[in-house]
Amino acid sequence: NLLLDAILSFLIFSVVVVTIVFLGL
C-alpha cells in the first residue's frame, strides 16, 4: 500500500509540476 501510494503520489505530482512549468514557459 505504501509503494502504491508513493507511486500514485509521484505520478500526480509530476503531472502538476509539468503542467505548471509548461504553462509558465
PDB file of all heavy atoms in Angstrom:
ATOM      1  N   ASN A   1       0.831  -1.211   0.000  1.00  0.00           N
ATOM      2  CA  ASN A   1       0.000   0.000   0.000  1.00  0.00           C
ATOM      3  C   ASN A   1       0.861   1.253   0.000  1.00  0.00           C
ATOM      4  O   ASN A   1       0.552   2.233  -0.696  1.00  0.00           O
ATOM      5  CB  ASN A   1      -0.932  -0.005   1.213  1.00  0.00           C
ATOM      6  CG  ASN A   1      -2.076  -0.986   1.060  1.00  0.00           C
ATOM      7  OD1 ASN A   1      -2.489  -1.284  -0.054  1.00  0.00           O
ATOM      8  ND2 ASN A   1      -2.584  -1.499   2.164  1.00  0.00           N
ATOM      9  N   LEU A   2       1.935   1.227   0.798  1.00  0.00           N
ATOM     10  CA  LEU A   2       2.828   2.390   0.831  1.00  0.00           C
ATOM     11  C   LEU A   2       3.471   2.637  -0.526  1.00  0.00           C
ATOM     12  O   LEU A   2       3.579   3.781  -0.988  1.00  0.00           O
ATOM     13  CB  LEU A   2       3.897   2.181   1.901  1.00  0.00           C
ATOM     14  CG  LEU A   2       3.439   2.252   3.359  1.00  0.00           C
ATOM     15  CD1 LEU A   2       4.579   1.876   4.297  1.00  0.00           C
ATOM     16  CD2 LEU A   2       2.917   3.639   3.687  1.00  0.00           C
ATOM     17  N   LEU A   3       3.901   1.556  -1.185  1.00  0.00           N
ATOM     18  CA  LEU A   3       4.517   1.702  -2.506  1.00  0.00           C
ATOM     19  C   LEU A   3       3.522   2.229  -3.535  1.00  0.00           C
ATOM     20  O   LEU A   3       3.851   3.119  -4.332  1.00  0.00           O
ATOM     21  CB  LEU A   3       5.081   0.354  -2.963  1.00  0.00           C
ATOM     22  CG  LEU A   3       6.341  -0.138  -2.243  1.00  0.00           C
ATOM     23  CD1 LEU A   3       6.710  -1.536  -2.706  1.00  0.00           C
ATOM     24  CD2 LEU A   3       7.500   0.822  -2.489  1.00  0.00           C
ATOM     25  N   LEU A   4       2.307   1.682  -3.503  1.00  0.00           N
ATOM     26  CA  LEU A   4       1.291   2.150  -4.446  1.00  0.00           C
ATOM     27  C   LEU A   4       0.954   3.613  -4.209  1.00  0.00           C
ATOM     28  O   LEU A   4       0.796   4.390  -5.158  1.00  0.00           O
ATOM     29  CB  LEU A   4       0.035   1.278  -4.322  1.00  0.00           C
ATOM     30  CG  LEU A   4       0.166  -0.165  -4.838  1.00  0.00           C
ATOM     31  CD1 LEU A   4      -1.101  -0.955  -4.548  1.00  0.00           C
ATOM     32  CD2 LEU A   4       0.462  -0.183  -6.339  1.00  0.00           C
ATOM     33  N   ASP A   5       0.823   4.001  -2.932  1.00  0.00           N
ATOM     34  CA  ASP A   5       0.552   5.403  -2.606  1.00  0.00           C
ATOM     35  C   ASP A   5       1.685   6.302  -3.081  1.00  0.00           C
ATOM     36  O   ASP A   5       1.440   7.401  -3.618  1.00  0.00           O
ATOM     37  CB  ASP A   5       0.343   5.565  -1.092  1.00  0.00           C
ATOM     38  CG  ASP A   5      -0.972   4.977  -0.622  1.00  0.00           C
ATOM     39  OD1 ASP A   5      -1.855   4.739  -1.477  1.00  0.00           O
ATOM     40  OD2 ASP A   5      -1.119   4.752   0.599  1.00  0.00           O
ATOM     41  N   ALA A   6       2.916   5.851  -2.871  1.00  0.00           N
ATOM     42  CA  ALA A   6       4.067   6.655  -3.290  1.00  0.00           C
ATOM     43  C   ALA A   6       4.109   6.820  -4.808  1.00  0.00           C
ATOM     44  O   ALA A   6       4.360   7.920  -5.319  1.00  0.00           O
ATOM     45  CB  ALA A   6       5.360   6.000  -2.784  1.00  0.00           C
ATOM     46  N   ILE A   7       3.855   5.724  -5.531  1.00  0.00           N
ATOM     47  CA  ILE A   7       3.869   5.786  -6.997  1.00  0.00           C
ATOM     48  C   ILE A   7       2.753   6.698  -7.507  1.00  0.00           C
ATOM     49  O   ILE A   7       2.977   7.547  -8.391  1.00  0.00           O
ATOM     50  CB  ILE A   7       3.742   4.375  -7.589  1.00  0.00           C
ATOM     51  CG1 ILE A   7       4.987   3.550  -7.275  1.00  0.00           C
ATOM     52  CG2 ILE A   7       3.525   4.437  -9.100  1.00  0.00           C
ATOM     53  CD1 ILE A   7       4.871   2.087  -7.645  1.00  0.00           C
ATOM     54  N   LEU A   8       1.559   6.535  -6.953  1.00  0.00           N
ATOM     55  CA  LEU A   8       0.434   7.371  -7.382  1.00  0.00           C
ATOM     56  C   LEU A   8       0.688   8.840  -7.068  1.00  0.00           C
ATOM     57  O   LEU A   8       0.424   9.723  -7.895  1.00  0.00           O
ATOM     58  CB  LEU A   8      -0.856   6.887  -6.703  1.00  0.00           C
ATOM     59  CG  LEU A   8      -2.146   7.594  -7.104  1.00  0.00           C
ATOM     60  CD1 LEU A   8      -2.415   7.416  -8.593  1.00  0.00           C
ATOM     61  CD2 LEU A   8      -3.330   7.068  -6.298  1.00  0.00           C
ATOM     62  N   SER A   9       1.221   9.112  -5.871  1.00  0.00           N
ATOM     63  CA  SER A   9       1.520  10.497  -5.500  1.00  0.00           C
ATOM     64  C   SER A   9       2.566  11.099  -6.437  1.00  0.00           C
ATOM     65  O   SER A   9       2.450  12.262  -6.848  1.00  0.00           O
ATOM     66  CB  SER A   9       2.014  10.555  -4.053  1.00  0.00           C
ATOM     67  OG  SER A   9       1.032  10.083  -3.160  1.00  0.00           O
ATOM     68  N   PHE A  10       3.580  10.289  -6.772  1.00  0.00           N
ATOM     69  CA  PHE A  10       4.632  10.788  -7.673  1.00  0.00           C
ATOM     70  C   PHE A  10       4.063  11.112  -9.050  1.00  0.00           C
ATOM     71  O   PHE A  10       4.388  12.150  -9.646  1.00  0.00           O
ATOM     72  CB  PHE A  10       5.746   9.746  -7.793  1.00  0.00           C
ATOM     73  CG  PHE A  10       6.754  10.076  -8.851  1.00  0.00           C
ATOM     74  CD1 PHE A  10       7.700  11.053  -8.639  1.00  0.00           C
ATOM     75  CD2 PHE A  10       6.748   9.410 -10.080  1.00  0.00           C
ATOM     76  CE1 PHE A  10       8.633  11.371  -9.621  1.00  0.00           C
ATOM     77  CE2 PHE A  10       7.664   9.725 -11.059  1.00  0.00           C
ATOM     78  CZ  PHE A  10       8.611  10.704 -10.828  1.00  0.00           C
ATOM     79  N   LEU A  11       3.201  10.237  -9.574  1.00  0.00           N
ATOM     80  CA  LEU A  11       2.618  10.480 -10.894  1.00  0.00           C
ATOM     81  C   LEU A  11       1.763  11.745 -10.900  1.00  0.00           C
ATOM     82  O   LEU A  11       1.865  12.575 -11.809  1.00  0.00           O
ATOM     83  CB  LEU A  11       1.789   9.268 -11.313  1.00  0.00           C
ATOM     84  CG  LEU A  11       2.576   7.979 -11.620  1.00  0.00           C
ATOM     85  CD1 LEU A  11       1.617   6.831 -11.919  1.00  0.00           C
ATOM     86  CD2 LEU A  11       3.527   8.196 -12.787  1.00  0.00           C
ATOM     87  N   ILE A  12       0.912  11.884  -9.874  1.00  0.00           N
ATOM     88  CA  ILE A  12       0.045  13.069  -9.803  1.00  0.00           C
ATOM     89  C   ILE A  12       0.895  14.336  -9.664  1.00  0.00           C
ATOM     90  O   ILE A  12       0.662  15.344 -10.349  1.00  0.00           O
ATOM     91  CB  ILE A  12      -0.949  12.938  -8.639  1.00  0.00           C
ATOM     92  CG1 ILE A  12      -1.935  11.788  -8.907  1.00  0.00           C
ATOM     93  CG2 ILE A  12      -1.705  14.239  -8.422  1.00  0.00           C
ATOM     94  CD1 ILE A  12      -2.868  11.492  -7.751  1.00  0.00           C
ATOM     95  N   PHE A  13       1.886  14.264  -8.780  1.00  0.00           N
ATOM     96  CA  PHE A  13       2.731  15.437  -8.554  1.00  0.00           C
ATOM     97  C   PHE A  13       3.514  15.794  -9.807  1.00  0.00           C
ATOM     98  O   PHE A  13       3.682  16.980 -10.130  1.00  0.00           O
ATOM     99  CB  PHE A  13       3.680  15.157  -7.389  1.00  0.00           C
ATOM    100  CG  PHE A  13       4.353  16.386  -6.855  1.00  0.00           C
ATOM    101  CD1 PHE A  13       3.643  17.304  -6.098  1.00  0.00           C
ATOM    102  CD2 PHE A  13       5.691  16.636  -7.115  1.00  0.00           C
ATOM    103  CE1 PHE A  13       4.256  18.449  -5.603  1.00  0.00           C
ATOM    104  CE2 PHE A  13       6.311  17.770  -6.631  1.00  0.00           C
ATOM    105  CZ  PHE A  13       5.590  18.678  -5.869  1.00  0.00           C
ATOM    106  N   SER A  14       3.984  14.786 -10.526  1.00  0.00           N
ATOM    107  CA  SER A  14       4.730  15.050 -11.763  1.00  0.00           C
ATOM    108  C   SER A  14       3.850  15.742 -12.798  1.00  0.00           C
ATOM    109  O   SER A  14       4.290  16.676 -13.478  1.00  0.00           O
ATOM    110  CB  SER A  14       5.284  13.742 -12.329  1.00  0.00           C
ATOM    111  OG  SER A  14       6.190  13.145 -11.454  1.00  0.00           O
ATOM    112  N   VAL A  15       2.612  15.286 -12.920  1.00  0.00           N
ATOM    113  CA  VAL A  15       1.680  15.919 -13.861  1.00  0.00           C
ATOM    114  C   VAL A  15       1.453  17.379 -13.484  1.00  0.00           C
ATOM    115  O   VAL A  15       1.445  18.275 -14.341  1.00  0.00           O
ATOM    116  CB  VAL A  15       0.349  15.147 -13.892  1.00  0.00           C
ATOM    117  CG1 VAL A  15      -0.699  15.921 -14.684  1.00  0.00           C
ATOM    118  CG2 VAL A  15       0.547  13.766 -14.503  1.00  0.00           C
ATOM    119  N   VAL A  16       1.289  17.645 -12.180  1.00  0.00           N
ATOM    120  CA  VAL A  16       1.078  19.023 -11.720  1.00  0.00           C
ATOM    121  C   VAL A  16       2.303  19.883 -12.027  1.00  0.00           C
ATOM    122  O   VAL A  16       2.177  21.007 -12.539  1.00  0.00           O
ATOM    123  CB  VAL A  16       0.761  19.039 -10.206  1.00  0.00           C
ATOM    124  CG1 VAL A  16       0.725  20.471  -9.682  1.00  0.00           C
ATOM    125  CG2 VAL A  16      -0.571  18.347  -9.937  1.00  0.00           C
ATOM    126  N   VAL A  17       3.487  19.346 -11.723  1.00  0.00           N
ATOM    127  CA  VAL A  17       4.723  20.102 -11.965  1.00  0.00           C
ATOM    128  C   VAL A  17       4.889  20.403 -13.452  1.00  0.00           C
ATOM    129  O   VAL A  17       5.177  21.540 -13.846  1.00  0.00           O
ATOM    130  CB  VAL A  17       5.939  19.324 -11.424  1.00  0.00           C
ATOM    131  CG1 VAL A  17       7.241  19.974 -11.904  1.00  0.00           C
ATOM    132  CG2 VAL A  17       5.912  19.279  -9.909  1.00  0.00           C
ATOM    133  N   VAL A  18       4.712  19.377 -14.286  1.00  0.00           N
ATOM    134  CA  VAL A  18       4.867  19.569 -15.734  1.00  0.00           C
ATOM    135  C   VAL A  18       3.868  20.598 -16.250  1.00  0.00           C
ATOM    136  O   VAL A  18       4.205  21.478 -17.064  1.00  0.00           O
ATOM    137  CB  VAL A  18       4.692  18.222 -16.461  1.00  0.00           C
ATOM    138  CG1 VAL A  18       4.603  18.442 -17.973  1.00  0.00           C
ATOM    139  CG2 VAL A  18       5.854  17.291 -16.145  1.00  0.00           C
ATOM    140  N   THR A  19       2.620  20.527 -15.774  1.00  0.00           N
ATOM    141  CA  THR A  19       1.590  21.478 -16.211  1.00  0.00           C
ATOM    142  C   THR A  19       1.964  22.901 -15.840  1.00  0.00           C
ATOM    143  O   THR A  19       1.882  23.824 -16.665  1.00  0.00           O
ATOM    144  CB  THR A  19       0.234  21.110 -15.585  1.00  0.00           C
ATOM    145  OG1 THR A  19      -0.114  19.774 -15.958  1.00  0.00           O
ATOM    146  CG2 THR A  19      -0.849  22.073 -16.044  1.00  0.00           C
ATOM    147  N   ILE A  20       2.387  23.103 -14.588  1.00  0.00           N
ATOM    148  CA  ILE A  20       2.734  24.443 -14.126  1.00  0.00           C
ATOM    149  C   ILE A  20       3.921  25.000 -14.914  1.00  0.00           C
ATOM    150  O   ILE A  20       3.910  26.160 -15.362  1.00  0.00           O
ATOM    151  CB  ILE A  20       3.051  24.416 -12.613  1.00  0.00           C
ATOM    152  CG1 ILE A  20       1.768  24.178 -11.816  1.00  0.00           C
ATOM    153  CG2 ILE A  20       3.709  25.716 -12.175  1.00  0.00           C
ATOM    154  CD1 ILE A  20       2.000  24.010 -10.317  1.00  0.00           C
ATOM    155  N   VAL A  21       4.933  24.171 -15.108  1.00  0.00           N
ATOM    156  CA  VAL A  21       6.141  24.650 -15.807  1.00  0.00           C
ATOM    157  C   VAL A  21       5.841  24.955 -17.271  1.00  0.00           C
ATOM    158  O   VAL A  21       6.260  25.998 -17.807  1.00  0.00           O
ATOM    159  CB  VAL A  21       7.275  23.620 -15.677  1.00  0.00           C
ATOM    160  CG1 VAL A  21       8.485  24.063 -16.512  1.00  0.00           C
ATOM    161  CG2 VAL A  21       7.687  23.458 -14.227  1.00  0.00           C
ATOM    162  N   PHE A  22       5.107  24.070 -17.944  1.00  0.00           N
ATOM    163  CA  PHE A  22       4.783  24.321 -19.353  1.00  0.00           C
ATOM    164  C   PHE A  22       3.930  25.585 -19.511  1.00  0.00           C
ATOM    165  O   PHE A  22       4.139  26.372 -20.439  1.00  0.00           O
ATOM    166  CB  PHE A  22       4.061  23.117 -19.955  1.00  0.00           C
ATOM    167  CG  PHE A  22       4.993  22.150 -20.631  1.00  0.00           C
ATOM    168  CD1 PHE A  22       5.032  20.818 -20.259  1.00  0.00           C
ATOM    169  CD2 PHE A  22       5.837  22.567 -21.645  1.00  0.00           C
ATOM    170  CE1 PHE A  22       5.892  19.932 -20.875  1.00  0.00           C
ATOM    171  CE2 PHE A  22       6.705  21.696 -22.281  1.00  0.00           C
ATOM    172  CZ  PHE A  22       6.734  20.371 -21.882  1.00  0.00           C
ATOM    173  N   LEU A  23       2.965  25.767 -18.617  1.00  0.00           N
ATOM    174  CA  LEU A  23       2.154  26.986 -18.683  1.00  0.00           C
ATOM    175  C   LEU A  23       3.018  28.215 -18.435  1.00  0.00           C
ATOM    176  O   LEU A  23       2.847  29.254 -19.087  1.00  0.00           O
ATOM    177  CB  LEU A  23       1.017  26.923 -17.659  1.00  0.00           C
ATOM    178  CG  LEU A  23      -0.166  26.035 -18.018  1.00  0.00           C
ATOM    179  CD1 LEU A  23      -1.150  25.968 -16.867  1.00  0.00           C
ATOM    180  CD2 LEU A  23      -0.875  26.555 -19.270  1.00  0.00           C
ATOM    181  N   GLY A  24       3.961  28.104 -17.492  1.00  0.00           N
ATOM    182  CA  GLY A  24       4.850  29.228 -17.229  1.00  0.00           C
ATOM    183  C   GLY A  24       5.726  29.564 -18.422  1.00  0.00           C
ATOM    184  O   GLY A  24       5.950  30.737 -18.742  1.00  0.00           O
ATOM    185  N   LEU A  25       6.225  28.529 -19.094  1.00  0.00           N
ATOM    186  CA  LEU A  25       7.063  28.762 -20.270  1.00  0.00           C
ATOM    187  C   LEU A  25       6.264  29.302 -21.442  1.00  0.00           C
ATOM    188  O   LEU A  25       6.738  30.148 -22.208  1.00  0.00           O
ATOM    189  CB  LEU A  25       7.759  27.455 -20.671  1.00  0.00           C
ATOM    190  CG  LEU A  25       8.786  26.898 -19.676  1.00  0.00           C
ATOM    191  CD1 LEU A  25       9.283  25.532 -20.127  1.00  0.00           C
ATOM    192  CD2 LEU A  25       9.963  27.870 -19.520  1.00  0.00           C
TER     193      LEU A  25
END
